Amino acid sequence: MSICEIQFDAAALQAMEADAAPLALVSGSTVKAVARAFDATTEEFANFRFAVPQDVDTGGTVTFRVACLPATAAASINVAHTLGFCAVADGEDFDGSYTDEDSGDKPVEATQDEISIHSWTETVANLGWAAGDVVFGRYSRPQAASNNLSGDLYVLYVVIEIPVA
C-alpha cells in the first residue's frame, strides 16, 4: 500500500475563524520557526483544505500527525488535538458541518524546546471521504482530559497520510 502525504506547516494553516490561533515565532539559540499558538482555555482554530486523491484506497486507514511543543515545558502534562473535516463532492454545497477526529490525551515533552510528534488514525470509510472530494479542515486544541498544558501549545505542522491504491 502507498500513501499520499499532505503537509501544512504553521504558515499554511489559515486564520479564518473568529477564534483563530495567531502565528508565533519560536526562537532557539540558532533555529527560528513559525508556529501557530493555541491557547489552553479558549478553543482556537486554524483552517486548511485539500483534495482527496483520485486513487484513494477507501478500505484503508488515514494517519494524522501533529508536531508541537509547549511554550513553557512542564513535567507530566498532556494536550489533545482535534481535526475537523467537511468533505464535499463535485456539485455539492461546501457549507456542511465538520466531523471531528479527536486524538485523545497525548503527552508533551517536559524539557523546554523539545518537539512532540503525535499521531492517531481513522478509516477512510468512517471519514466518509471519496475520490476527488474537496476536504475543508480545521485544527483545534481542546482541553486534555487530564493534566492539561496550562500555557500555549505551539503547532509547527499538521500532516495527513491518505492511503492510495
N, C-alpha and C. Protein backbone atom coordinates (compact mmCIF):
# COMPACT_ATOMS: atom_id res chain seq x y z
N MET A 1 0.84 -1.18 0.00
CA MET A 1 0.00 0.00 0.00
C MET A 1 0.88 1.25 0.00
N SER A 2 0.44 2.25 -0.69
CA SER A 2 1.14 3.53 -0.74
C SER A 2 0.33 4.59 0.00
N ILE A 3 0.99 5.70 0.26
CA ILE A 3 0.28 6.81 0.89
C ILE A 3 0.53 8.10 0.13
N CYS A 4 -0.40 9.00 0.23
CA CYS A 4 -0.27 10.37 -0.24
C CYS A 4 -0.17 11.23 1.01
N GLU A 5 0.95 11.90 1.18
CA GLU A 5 1.17 12.71 2.38
C GLU A 5 0.89 14.17 2.07
N ILE A 6 -0.02 14.76 2.84
CA ILE A 6 -0.37 16.17 2.69
C ILE A 6 0.11 16.89 3.93
N GLN A 7 0.93 17.93 3.75
CA GLN A 7 1.52 18.66 4.88
C GLN A 7 1.08 20.11 4.88
N PHE A 8 0.83 20.60 6.10
CA PHE A 8 0.51 22.01 6.29
C PHE A 8 1.42 22.52 7.39
N ASP A 9 2.39 23.38 7.03
CA ASP A 9 3.20 23.98 8.09
C ASP A 9 2.38 25.11 8.72
N ALA A 10 2.87 25.66 9.80
CA ALA A 10 2.10 26.64 10.57
C ALA A 10 1.65 27.82 9.71
N ALA A 11 2.50 28.28 8.81
CA ALA A 11 2.15 29.43 7.97
C ALA A 11 1.05 29.08 6.96
N ALA A 12 0.95 27.80 6.58
CA ALA A 12 -0.08 27.36 5.63
C ALA A 12 -1.43 27.13 6.31
N LEU A 13 -1.42 27.00 7.64
CA LEU A 13 -2.68 26.89 8.38
C LEU A 13 -3.27 28.29 8.47
N GLN A 14 -4.45 28.47 7.92
CA GLN A 14 -5.02 29.80 7.76
C GLN A 14 -5.85 30.21 8.97
N ALA A 15 -5.77 31.47 9.33
CA ALA A 15 -6.54 32.05 10.44
C ALA A 15 -7.82 32.64 9.88
N MET A 16 -8.89 31.84 9.84
CA MET A 16 -10.13 32.29 9.21
C MET A 16 -11.32 32.34 10.18
N GLU A 17 -11.18 31.78 11.36
CA GLU A 17 -12.29 31.72 12.31
C GLU A 17 -12.22 32.91 13.27
N ALA A 18 -13.33 33.19 13.95
CA ALA A 18 -13.35 34.27 14.94
C ALA A 18 -12.31 34.00 16.03
N ASP A 19 -12.19 32.76 16.46
CA ASP A 19 -11.18 32.37 17.44
C ASP A 19 -10.04 31.66 16.71
N ALA A 20 -9.22 32.44 16.03
CA ALA A 20 -8.11 31.88 15.26
C ALA A 20 -6.83 31.92 16.07
N ALA A 21 -6.04 30.86 15.95
CA ALA A 21 -4.74 30.81 16.63
C ALA A 21 -3.75 31.73 15.91
N PRO A 22 -3.08 32.61 16.64
CA PRO A 22 -2.14 33.52 16.00
C PRO A 22 -0.83 32.83 15.63
N LEU A 23 -0.12 33.42 14.68
CA LEU A 23 1.23 32.97 14.38
C LEU A 23 2.16 33.45 15.49
N ALA A 24 3.16 32.64 15.79
CA ALA A 24 4.15 32.99 16.81
C ALA A 24 5.53 32.60 16.30
N LEU A 25 6.53 33.33 16.70
CA LEU A 25 7.90 33.00 16.37
C LEU A 25 8.48 32.18 17.51
N VAL A 26 8.95 30.97 17.20
CA VAL A 26 9.60 30.10 18.18
C VAL A 26 11.09 30.25 17.95
N SER A 27 11.81 30.74 18.95
CA SER A 27 13.24 31.02 18.80
C SER A 27 14.07 30.17 19.72
N GLY A 28 14.96 29.38 19.12
CA GLY A 28 16.00 28.71 19.88
C GLY A 28 17.25 29.58 19.83
N SER A 29 18.37 29.03 20.26
CA SER A 29 19.60 29.83 20.22
C SER A 29 20.09 30.02 18.79
N THR A 30 19.77 29.08 17.87
CA THR A 30 20.17 29.24 16.48
C THR A 30 19.00 29.09 15.51
N VAL A 31 18.06 28.22 15.80
CA VAL A 31 16.95 27.94 14.88
C VAL A 31 15.73 28.77 15.28
N LYS A 32 15.07 29.31 14.26
CA LYS A 32 13.82 30.02 14.46
C LYS A 32 12.77 29.38 13.56
N ALA A 33 11.55 29.33 14.07
CA ALA A 33 10.47 28.72 13.30
C ALA A 33 9.17 29.46 13.57
N VAL A 34 8.27 29.41 12.60
CA VAL A 34 6.93 29.96 12.76
C VAL A 34 6.03 28.83 13.25
N ALA A 35 5.18 29.14 14.22
CA ALA A 35 4.22 28.18 14.75
C ALA A 35 2.88 28.88 14.90
N ARG A 36 1.83 28.10 15.05
CA ARG A 36 0.52 28.63 15.46
C ARG A 36 0.44 28.39 16.96
N ALA A 37 0.06 29.41 17.73
CA ALA A 37 0.00 29.33 19.19
C ALA A 37 -1.45 29.11 19.63
N PHE A 38 -1.72 27.92 20.16
CA PHE A 38 -3.07 27.54 20.58
C PHE A 38 -3.20 27.68 22.09
N ASP A 39 -4.20 28.44 22.50
CA ASP A 39 -4.43 28.77 23.90
C ASP A 39 -4.93 27.57 24.70
N ALA A 40 -4.69 27.58 26.00
CA ALA A 40 -5.10 26.48 26.88
C ALA A 40 -6.57 26.57 27.29
N THR A 41 -7.16 27.75 27.27
CA THR A 41 -8.50 27.90 27.81
C THR A 41 -9.57 28.19 26.76
N THR A 42 -9.20 28.81 25.65
CA THR A 42 -10.13 29.11 24.57
C THR A 42 -9.80 28.23 23.38
N GLU A 43 -10.80 27.49 22.87
CA GLU A 43 -10.53 26.65 21.71
C GLU A 43 -10.36 27.55 20.48
N GLU A 44 -9.15 27.55 19.93
CA GLU A 44 -8.82 28.35 18.76
C GLU A 44 -8.65 27.41 17.56
N PHE A 45 -8.75 27.99 16.35
CA PHE A 45 -8.75 27.18 15.15
C PHE A 45 -7.73 27.68 14.13
N ALA A 46 -7.32 26.77 13.26
CA ALA A 46 -6.54 27.10 12.06
C ALA A 46 -7.10 26.21 10.94
N ASN A 47 -7.34 26.81 9.78
CA ASN A 47 -8.05 26.13 8.70
C ASN A 47 -7.12 25.73 7.56
N PHE A 48 -7.58 24.74 6.79
CA PHE A 48 -6.85 24.25 5.62
C PHE A 48 -7.83 23.54 4.70
N ARG A 49 -7.37 23.19 3.51
CA ARG A 49 -8.19 22.39 2.59
C ARG A 49 -7.28 21.60 1.67
N PHE A 50 -7.82 20.50 1.15
CA PHE A 50 -7.07 19.65 0.23
C PHE A 50 -8.06 18.81 -0.57
N ALA A 51 -7.55 18.18 -1.63
CA ALA A 51 -8.36 17.27 -2.44
C ALA A 51 -7.98 15.83 -2.09
N VAL A 52 -8.98 14.99 -1.94
CA VAL A 52 -8.74 13.56 -1.73
C VAL A 52 -8.20 12.99 -3.05
N PRO A 53 -7.10 12.23 -2.99
CA PRO A 53 -6.53 11.68 -4.23
C PRO A 53 -7.55 10.84 -5.00
N GLN A 54 -7.45 10.88 -6.32
CA GLN A 54 -8.35 10.11 -7.17
C GLN A 54 -8.21 8.61 -6.94
N ASP A 55 -7.03 8.17 -6.51
CA ASP A 55 -6.79 6.74 -6.30
C ASP A 55 -6.82 6.36 -4.82
N VAL A 56 -7.63 7.08 -4.02
CA VAL A 56 -7.74 6.80 -2.59
C VAL A 56 -8.15 5.34 -2.38
N ASP A 57 -7.53 4.70 -1.40
CA ASP A 57 -7.90 3.34 -1.01
C ASP A 57 -9.00 3.45 0.04
N THR A 58 -10.26 3.29 -0.38
CA THR A 58 -11.39 3.51 0.52
C THR A 58 -11.48 2.47 1.63
N GLY A 59 -10.69 1.40 1.53
CA GLY A 59 -10.64 0.40 2.60
C GLY A 59 -9.48 0.62 3.54
N GLY A 60 -8.73 1.69 3.36
CA GLY A 60 -7.52 1.94 4.14
C GLY A 60 -7.75 2.84 5.34
N THR A 61 -6.64 3.18 5.98
CA THR A 61 -6.65 3.98 7.20
C THR A 61 -5.82 5.24 7.01
N VAL A 62 -6.38 6.37 7.42
CA VAL A 62 -5.70 7.67 7.36
C VAL A 62 -4.96 7.88 8.68
N THR A 63 -3.73 8.40 8.59
CA THR A 63 -2.95 8.75 9.78
C THR A 63 -2.82 10.26 9.86
N PHE A 64 -3.06 10.78 11.05
CA PHE A 64 -2.91 12.21 11.31
C PHE A 64 -1.69 12.39 12.21
N ARG A 65 -0.87 13.39 11.91
CA ARG A 65 0.29 13.71 12.75
C ARG A 65 0.36 15.20 12.99
N VAL A 66 0.74 15.55 14.21
CA VAL A 66 0.92 16.95 14.59
C VAL A 66 2.26 17.07 15.29
N ALA A 67 3.10 18.02 14.84
CA ALA A 67 4.36 18.32 15.53
C ALA A 67 4.12 19.58 16.35
N CYS A 68 4.43 19.49 17.64
CA CYS A 68 4.12 20.60 18.53
C CYS A 68 5.12 20.66 19.68
N LEU A 69 5.08 21.77 20.40
CA LEU A 69 5.86 21.91 21.62
C LEU A 69 5.19 22.94 22.51
N PRO A 70 5.33 22.78 23.81
CA PRO A 70 4.71 23.75 24.72
C PRO A 70 5.52 25.04 24.76
N ALA A 71 4.83 26.16 24.92
CA ALA A 71 5.53 27.44 25.07
C ALA A 71 6.41 27.39 26.31
N THR A 72 5.89 26.79 27.38
CA THR A 72 6.66 26.58 28.60
C THR A 72 6.51 25.12 29.00
N ALA A 73 7.59 24.39 28.97
CA ALA A 73 7.56 22.95 29.26
C ALA A 73 7.28 22.70 30.74
N ALA A 74 6.61 21.58 31.00
CA ALA A 74 6.33 21.13 32.36
C ALA A 74 6.22 19.62 32.35
N ALA A 75 6.54 18.98 33.46
CA ALA A 75 6.53 17.51 33.54
C ALA A 75 5.10 16.98 33.66
N SER A 76 4.90 15.78 33.10
CA SER A 76 3.63 15.03 33.22
C SER A 76 2.42 15.83 32.76
N ILE A 77 2.55 16.46 31.60
CA ILE A 77 1.48 17.30 31.06
C ILE A 77 1.01 16.73 29.73
N ASN A 78 -0.29 16.88 29.46
CA ASN A 78 -0.90 16.39 28.22
C ASN A 78 -1.51 17.52 27.40
N VAL A 79 -1.71 17.24 26.13
CA VAL A 79 -2.50 18.08 25.25
C VAL A 79 -3.42 17.16 24.46
N ALA A 80 -4.41 17.74 23.83
CA ALA A 80 -5.29 17.00 22.93
C ALA A 80 -5.39 17.77 21.62
N HIS A 81 -5.68 17.06 20.56
CA HIS A 81 -5.81 17.66 19.23
C HIS A 81 -7.15 17.25 18.64
N THR A 82 -7.75 18.14 17.86
CA THR A 82 -8.95 17.81 17.09
C THR A 82 -8.74 18.29 15.67
N LEU A 83 -9.01 17.41 14.72
CA LEU A 83 -9.05 17.78 13.31
C LEU A 83 -10.49 17.60 12.86
N GLY A 84 -11.09 18.69 12.40
CA GLY A 84 -12.46 18.64 11.89
C GLY A 84 -12.44 18.65 10.38
N PHE A 85 -13.34 17.85 9.77
CA PHE A 85 -13.36 17.72 8.32
C PHE A 85 -14.77 17.86 7.77
N CYS A 86 -14.88 18.52 6.63
CA CYS A 86 -16.13 18.60 5.87
C CYS A 86 -15.78 18.25 4.43
N ALA A 87 -16.13 17.04 4.00
CA ALA A 87 -15.81 16.57 2.65
C ALA A 87 -16.95 16.91 1.70
N VAL A 88 -16.59 17.50 0.56
CA VAL A 88 -17.59 17.97 -0.39
C VAL A 88 -17.27 17.42 -1.78
N ALA A 89 -18.26 16.78 -2.40
CA ALA A 89 -18.10 16.23 -3.75
C ALA A 89 -18.49 17.28 -4.80
N ASP A 90 -18.12 17.02 -6.02
CA ASP A 90 -18.48 17.87 -7.15
C ASP A 90 -20.00 18.06 -7.17
N GLY A 91 -20.44 19.31 -7.25
CA GLY A 91 -21.87 19.61 -7.32
C GLY A 91 -22.55 19.74 -5.97
N GLU A 92 -21.81 19.57 -4.85
CA GLU A 92 -22.40 19.70 -3.52
C GLU A 92 -22.10 21.07 -2.93
N ASP A 93 -22.95 21.50 -2.01
CA ASP A 93 -22.75 22.74 -1.28
C ASP A 93 -21.57 22.58 -0.33
N PHE A 94 -20.63 23.51 -0.33
CA PHE A 94 -19.45 23.40 0.50
C PHE A 94 -19.73 23.69 1.97
N ASP A 95 -20.88 24.28 2.28
CA ASP A 95 -21.16 24.76 3.63
C ASP A 95 -21.86 23.68 4.47
N GLY A 96 -21.17 22.56 4.67
CA GLY A 96 -21.71 21.50 5.51
C GLY A 96 -21.21 21.63 6.93
N SER A 97 -21.31 20.56 7.68
CA SER A 97 -20.82 20.58 9.06
C SER A 97 -19.54 19.77 9.17
N TYR A 98 -18.74 20.12 10.17
CA TYR A 98 -17.48 19.41 10.42
C TYR A 98 -17.74 18.12 11.19
N THR A 99 -16.99 17.10 10.86
CA THR A 99 -16.92 15.86 11.63
C THR A 99 -15.55 15.85 12.29
N ASP A 100 -15.52 15.77 13.61
CA ASP A 100 -14.26 15.87 14.36
C ASP A 100 -13.60 14.53 14.60
N GLU A 101 -12.29 14.52 14.45
CA GLU A 101 -11.45 13.37 14.78
C GLU A 101 -10.53 13.81 15.91
N ASP A 102 -10.75 13.24 17.09
CA ASP A 102 -10.00 13.62 18.29
C ASP A 102 -8.83 12.67 18.54
N SER A 103 -7.74 13.24 19.01
CA SER A 103 -6.53 12.45 19.29
C SER A 103 -6.56 11.75 20.64
N GLY A 104 -7.37 12.27 21.56
CA GLY A 104 -7.25 11.84 22.95
C GLY A 104 -6.03 12.52 23.55
N ASP A 105 -5.79 12.28 24.83
CA ASP A 105 -4.65 12.91 25.51
C ASP A 105 -3.32 12.39 24.96
N LYS A 106 -2.41 13.32 24.72
CA LYS A 106 -1.07 13.00 24.24
C LYS A 106 -0.06 13.73 25.13
N PRO A 107 0.97 13.03 25.59
CA PRO A 107 1.96 13.68 26.47
C PRO A 107 2.88 14.60 25.67
N VAL A 108 3.23 15.74 26.27
CA VAL A 108 4.21 16.63 25.66
C VAL A 108 5.53 16.50 26.39
N GLU A 109 6.60 16.83 25.70
CA GLU A 109 7.94 16.73 26.27
C GLU A 109 8.07 17.67 27.47
N ALA A 110 8.77 17.22 28.49
CA ALA A 110 8.93 18.00 29.72
C ALA A 110 10.14 18.93 29.69
N THR A 111 10.94 18.84 28.63
CA THR A 111 12.13 19.68 28.50
C THR A 111 11.85 20.81 27.53
N GLN A 112 12.18 22.03 27.91
CA GLN A 112 11.93 23.20 27.08
C GLN A 112 12.53 23.04 25.69
N ASP A 113 11.78 23.40 24.67
CA ASP A 113 12.16 23.41 23.26
C ASP A 113 12.21 22.02 22.61
N GLU A 114 11.77 20.96 23.32
CA GLU A 114 11.72 19.63 22.69
C GLU A 114 10.37 19.45 22.01
N ILE A 115 10.42 18.89 20.80
CA ILE A 115 9.24 18.69 19.97
C ILE A 115 8.59 17.35 20.29
N SER A 116 7.27 17.35 20.31
CA SER A 116 6.47 16.12 20.41
C SER A 116 5.77 15.91 19.07
N ILE A 117 5.80 14.68 18.57
CA ILE A 117 5.07 14.34 17.35
C ILE A 117 3.99 13.34 17.73
N HIS A 118 2.75 13.79 17.61
CA HIS A 118 1.61 12.96 17.99
C HIS A 118 0.90 12.43 16.75
N SER A 119 0.44 11.19 16.83
CA SER A 119 -0.30 10.63 15.70
C SER A 119 -1.50 9.82 16.19
N TRP A 120 -2.49 9.72 15.33
CA TRP A 120 -3.66 8.89 15.56
C TRP A 120 -4.27 8.57 14.21
N THR A 121 -5.21 7.63 14.15
CA THR A 121 -5.71 7.13 12.86
C THR A 121 -7.24 7.06 12.84
N GLU A 122 -7.76 6.98 11.61
CA GLU A 122 -9.18 6.73 11.37
C GLU A 122 -9.31 6.12 9.98
N THR A 123 -10.31 5.29 9.77
CA THR A 123 -10.50 4.67 8.47
C THR A 123 -11.09 5.68 7.48
N VAL A 124 -10.77 5.48 6.21
CA VAL A 124 -11.33 6.33 5.16
C VAL A 124 -12.86 6.20 5.18
N ALA A 125 -13.35 4.99 5.39
CA ALA A 125 -14.80 4.76 5.41
C ALA A 125 -15.48 5.59 6.50
N ASN A 126 -14.90 5.61 7.71
CA ASN A 126 -15.50 6.39 8.79
C ASN A 126 -15.41 7.89 8.54
N LEU A 127 -14.38 8.33 7.83
CA LEU A 127 -14.26 9.74 7.48
C LEU A 127 -15.27 10.14 6.41
N GLY A 128 -15.68 9.17 5.59
CA GLY A 128 -16.64 9.45 4.52
C GLY A 128 -16.04 10.15 3.33
N TRP A 129 -14.72 10.01 3.16
CA TRP A 129 -14.04 10.66 2.03
C TRP A 129 -14.15 9.80 0.79
N ALA A 130 -14.31 10.45 -0.36
CA ALA A 130 -14.35 9.77 -1.66
C ALA A 130 -13.35 10.43 -2.60
N ALA A 131 -12.97 9.71 -3.63
CA ALA A 131 -12.01 10.21 -4.62
C ALA A 131 -12.45 11.56 -5.15
N GLY A 132 -11.52 12.52 -5.13
CA GLY A 132 -11.78 13.84 -5.68
C GLY A 132 -12.51 14.81 -4.78
N ASP A 133 -12.98 14.36 -3.61
CA ASP A 133 -13.64 15.29 -2.69
C ASP A 133 -12.72 16.45 -2.35
N VAL A 134 -13.30 17.62 -2.18
CA VAL A 134 -12.59 18.75 -1.58
C VAL A 134 -12.88 18.66 -0.08
N VAL A 135 -11.82 18.60 0.72
CA VAL A 135 -11.98 18.50 2.16
C VAL A 135 -11.59 19.82 2.80
N PHE A 136 -12.56 20.43 3.46
CA PHE A 136 -12.30 21.62 4.26
C PHE A 136 -11.99 21.13 5.66
N GLY A 137 -10.88 21.60 6.21
CA GLY A 137 -10.47 21.10 7.51
C GLY A 137 -10.10 22.22 8.45
N ARG A 138 -10.08 21.86 9.74
CA ARG A 138 -9.61 22.82 10.74
C ARG A 138 -9.00 22.04 11.91
N TYR A 139 -7.92 22.61 12.42
CA TYR A 139 -7.24 22.06 13.59
C TYR A 139 -7.65 22.90 14.79
N SER A 140 -7.82 22.23 15.93
CA SER A 140 -8.02 22.96 17.19
C SER A 140 -7.40 22.16 18.32
N ARG A 141 -7.22 22.86 19.42
CA ARG A 141 -6.66 22.25 20.63
C ARG A 141 -7.72 22.30 21.73
N PRO A 142 -8.46 21.21 21.92
CA PRO A 142 -9.38 21.17 23.06
C PRO A 142 -8.61 20.90 24.35
N GLN A 143 -9.26 21.00 25.47
CA GLN A 143 -8.62 20.69 26.74
C GLN A 143 -8.35 19.19 26.81
N ALA A 144 -7.17 18.82 27.30
CA ALA A 144 -6.87 17.42 27.56
C ALA A 144 -7.73 16.96 28.73
N ALA A 145 -8.08 15.68 28.76
CA ALA A 145 -8.92 15.15 29.83
C ALA A 145 -8.21 15.18 31.18
N SER A 146 -6.88 15.05 31.17
CA SER A 146 -6.13 15.09 32.43
C SER A 146 -4.81 15.82 32.24
N ASN A 147 -4.38 16.52 33.27
CA ASN A 147 -3.09 17.22 33.29
C ASN A 147 -2.88 18.10 32.06
N ASN A 148 -3.86 18.92 31.74
CA ASN A 148 -3.81 19.77 30.56
C ASN A 148 -2.69 20.81 30.66
N LEU A 149 -1.95 20.99 29.56
CA LEU A 149 -0.92 22.03 29.48
C LEU A 149 -1.59 23.38 29.72
N SER A 150 -1.06 24.15 30.67
CA SER A 150 -1.71 25.40 31.05
C SER A 150 -1.40 26.57 30.11
N GLY A 151 -0.30 26.54 29.40
CA GLY A 151 0.05 27.65 28.51
C GLY A 151 -0.21 27.32 27.06
N ASP A 152 0.35 28.15 26.19
CA ASP A 152 0.18 27.94 24.76
C ASP A 152 0.85 26.66 24.29
N LEU A 153 0.24 26.05 23.27
CA LEU A 153 0.84 24.93 22.55
C LEU A 153 1.22 25.46 21.18
N TYR A 154 2.49 25.35 20.83
CA TYR A 154 2.95 25.77 19.51
C TYR A 154 2.83 24.59 18.56
N VAL A 155 2.05 24.76 17.49
CA VAL A 155 1.91 23.73 16.46
C VAL A 155 2.77 24.14 15.27
N LEU A 156 3.72 23.26 14.92
CA LEU A 156 4.64 23.51 13.81
C LEU A 156 4.07 23.04 12.49
N TYR A 157 3.42 21.87 12.49
CA TYR A 157 2.80 21.36 11.27
C TYR A 157 1.75 20.31 11.57
N VAL A 158 0.87 20.11 10.58
CA VAL A 158 -0.12 19.04 10.58
C VAL A 158 0.11 18.24 9.30
N VAL A 159 0.14 16.91 9.44
CA VAL A 159 0.31 16.02 8.30
C VAL A 159 -0.86 15.05 8.24
N ILE A 160 -1.36 14.81 7.03
CA ILE A 160 -2.42 13.83 6.82
C ILE A 160 -1.90 12.84 5.80
N GLU A 161 -1.83 11.56 6.19
CA GLU A 161 -1.39 10.49 5.30
C GLU A 161 -2.60 9.72 4.81
N ILE A 162 -2.88 9.80 3.52
CA ILE A 162 -4.05 9.17 2.93
C ILE A 162 -3.60 7.94 2.15
N PRO A 163 -4.22 6.76 2.40
CA PRO A 163 -3.81 5.56 1.66
C PRO A 163 -4.31 5.63 0.22
N VAL A 164 -3.44 5.24 -0.70
CA VAL A 164 -3.81 5.22 -2.12
C VAL A 164 -3.48 3.84 -2.69
N ALA A 165 -4.20 3.51 -3.77
CA ALA A 165 -4.02 2.20 -4.43
C ALA A 165 -2.80 2.23 -5.32
